[in-house]
């Protein structure tokens, strides 16, 4: 997780998880539509996961 991804996760969460796959982008996008904070939290959790 680098600084650019964290900044993108705060500004526009779905864009930060594009490289994690279509499912992650869809989940973060839907959570962002429900509210900005759930989208940011989900994006940061997905970015913090170790592969």
N, C-alpha and C. Protein backbone atom coordinates (compact mmCIF):
# COMPACT_ATOMS: atom_id res chain seq x y z
N UNK A 1 0.85 -1.16 0.00
CA UNK A 1 0.00 0.00 0.00
C UNK A 1 0.90 1.23 0.00
N UNK A 2 0.86 1.99 -1.08
CA UNK A 2 1.69 3.18 -1.15
C UNK A 2 0.86 4.44 -0.94
N UNK A 3 1.53 5.56 -0.89
CA UNK A 3 0.87 6.83 -0.57
C UNK A 3 -0.16 7.22 -1.63
N UNK A 4 0.11 6.94 -2.89
CA UNK A 4 -0.83 7.29 -3.95
C UNK A 4 -2.13 6.50 -3.80
N UNK A 5 -2.03 5.22 -3.49
CA UNK A 5 -3.23 4.41 -3.32
C UNK A 5 -4.04 4.86 -2.11
N UNK A 6 -3.37 5.26 -1.03
CA UNK A 6 -4.08 5.75 0.14
C UNK A 6 -4.79 7.05 -0.19
N UNK A 7 -4.13 7.94 -0.90
CA UNK A 7 -4.74 9.20 -1.30
C UNK A 7 -5.95 8.96 -2.20
N UNK A 8 -5.82 8.04 -3.16
CA UNK A 8 -6.94 7.70 -4.03
C UNK A 8 -8.08 7.07 -3.24
N UNK A 9 -7.75 6.25 -2.24
CA UNK A 9 -8.78 5.61 -1.42
C UNK A 9 -9.57 6.65 -0.65
N UNK A 10 -8.94 7.74 -0.29
CA UNK A 10 -9.64 8.79 0.45
C UNK A 10 -10.47 9.67 -0.50
N UNK A 11 -9.92 9.98 -1.66
CA UNK A 11 -10.61 10.87 -2.60
C UNK A 11 -11.69 10.13 -3.40
N UNK A 12 -11.34 9.03 -4.04
CA UNK A 12 -12.28 8.25 -4.85
C UNK A 12 -11.96 6.77 -4.66
N UNK A 13 -12.59 6.13 -3.67
CA UNK A 13 -12.24 4.77 -3.28
C UNK A 13 -12.23 3.71 -4.39
N UNK A 14 -13.21 3.68 -5.32
CA UNK A 14 -13.16 2.63 -6.34
C UNK A 14 -11.92 2.68 -7.24
N UNK A 15 -11.41 3.87 -7.46
CA UNK A 15 -10.22 4.00 -8.31
C UNK A 15 -8.97 3.42 -7.64
N UNK A 16 -8.95 3.40 -6.34
CA UNK A 16 -7.78 2.90 -5.61
C UNK A 16 -7.66 1.39 -5.69
N UNK A 17 -8.77 0.68 -5.90
CA UNK A 17 -8.74 -0.79 -5.88
C UNK A 17 -8.92 -1.40 -7.27
N UNK A 18 -8.68 -0.62 -8.31
CA UNK A 18 -8.84 -1.12 -9.68
C UNK A 18 -7.95 -2.33 -9.95
N UNK A 19 -6.72 -2.33 -9.42
CA UNK A 19 -5.80 -3.42 -9.69
C UNK A 19 -6.09 -4.67 -8.87
N UNK A 20 -7.08 -4.62 -7.98
CA UNK A 20 -7.43 -5.77 -7.13
C UNK A 20 -8.51 -6.65 -7.75
N UNK A 21 -9.10 -6.24 -8.85
CA UNK A 21 -10.10 -7.06 -9.52
C UNK A 21 -11.45 -6.39 -9.60
N UNK A 22 -12.29 -6.93 -10.47
CA UNK A 22 -13.61 -6.35 -10.74
C UNK A 22 -14.53 -6.45 -9.53
N UNK A 23 -14.47 -7.54 -8.80
CA UNK A 23 -15.33 -7.71 -7.63
C UNK A 23 -15.05 -6.68 -6.56
N UNK A 24 -13.78 -6.42 -6.32
CA UNK A 24 -13.41 -5.42 -5.32
C UNK A 24 -13.88 -4.04 -5.73
N UNK A 25 -13.73 -3.72 -6.98
CA UNK A 25 -14.16 -2.40 -7.47
C UNK A 25 -15.66 -2.26 -7.31
N UNK A 26 -16.41 -3.32 -7.63
CA UNK A 26 -17.86 -3.27 -7.53
C UNK A 26 -18.32 -3.11 -6.09
N UNK A 27 -17.72 -3.86 -5.18
CA UNK A 27 -18.08 -3.76 -3.77
C UNK A 27 -17.78 -2.37 -3.23
N UNK A 28 -16.60 -1.86 -3.52
CA UNK A 28 -16.22 -0.53 -3.03
C UNK A 28 -17.10 0.54 -3.67
N UNK A 29 -17.45 0.38 -4.92
CA UNK A 29 -18.31 1.35 -5.59
C UNK A 29 -19.69 1.38 -4.95
N UNK A 30 -20.26 0.21 -4.68
CA UNK A 30 -21.57 0.16 -4.05
C UNK A 30 -21.55 0.74 -2.64
N UNK A 31 -20.49 0.44 -1.88
CA UNK A 31 -20.37 1.01 -0.55
C UNK A 31 -20.18 2.52 -0.60
N UNK A 32 -19.49 3.00 -1.62
CA UNK A 32 -19.30 4.45 -1.78
C UNK A 32 -20.62 5.12 -2.12
N UNK A 33 -21.47 4.44 -2.87
CA UNK A 33 -22.79 5.00 -3.16
C UNK A 33 -23.64 5.09 -1.90
N UNK A 34 -23.47 4.13 -0.99
CA UNK A 34 -24.21 4.17 0.28
C UNK A 34 -23.70 5.27 1.19
N UNK A 35 -22.47 5.58 1.07
CA UNK A 35 -21.86 6.63 1.89
C UNK A 35 -20.37 6.64 1.66
N UNK A 36 -19.79 7.81 1.76
CA UNK A 36 -18.37 7.94 1.45
C UNK A 36 -17.50 7.17 2.43
N UNK A 37 -17.83 7.21 3.71
CA UNK A 37 -17.01 6.59 4.75
C UNK A 37 -16.94 5.06 4.58
N UNK A 38 -18.06 4.36 4.35
CA UNK A 38 -17.95 2.90 4.14
C UNK A 38 -17.08 2.53 2.93
N UNK A 39 -17.15 3.34 1.88
CA UNK A 39 -16.32 3.09 0.71
C UNK A 39 -14.84 3.26 1.00
N UNK A 40 -14.50 4.30 1.75
CA UNK A 40 -13.11 4.54 2.12
C UNK A 40 -12.59 3.41 3.01
N UNK A 41 -13.40 3.01 3.99
CA UNK A 41 -12.98 1.94 4.90
C UNK A 41 -12.77 0.64 4.13
N UNK A 42 -13.69 0.30 3.24
CA UNK A 42 -13.55 -0.93 2.46
C UNK A 42 -12.32 -0.87 1.55
N UNK A 43 -12.09 0.26 0.92
CA UNK A 43 -10.92 0.40 0.05
C UNK A 43 -9.62 0.24 0.84
N UNK A 44 -9.56 0.84 2.02
CA UNK A 44 -8.35 0.72 2.83
C UNK A 44 -8.15 -0.71 3.33
N UNK A 45 -9.23 -1.40 3.66
CA UNK A 45 -9.11 -2.80 4.08
C UNK A 45 -8.62 -3.67 2.92
N UNK A 46 -9.19 -3.46 1.74
CA UNK A 46 -8.77 -4.26 0.57
C UNK A 46 -7.32 -3.96 0.22
N UNK A 47 -6.90 -2.70 0.30
CA UNK A 47 -5.51 -2.36 -0.01
C UNK A 47 -4.55 -2.90 1.03
N UNK A 48 -5.01 -3.06 2.25
CA UNK A 48 -4.15 -3.52 3.33
C UNK A 48 -3.98 -5.04 3.36
N UNK A 49 -4.85 -5.77 2.64
CA UNK A 49 -4.75 -7.23 2.60
C UNK A 49 -3.45 -7.67 1.95
N UNK A 50 -2.86 -8.71 2.50
CA UNK A 50 -1.67 -9.31 1.88
C UNK A 50 -2.10 -10.41 0.93
N UNK A 51 -1.51 -10.41 -0.24
CA UNK A 51 -1.84 -11.46 -1.23
C UNK A 51 -0.88 -12.60 -1.14
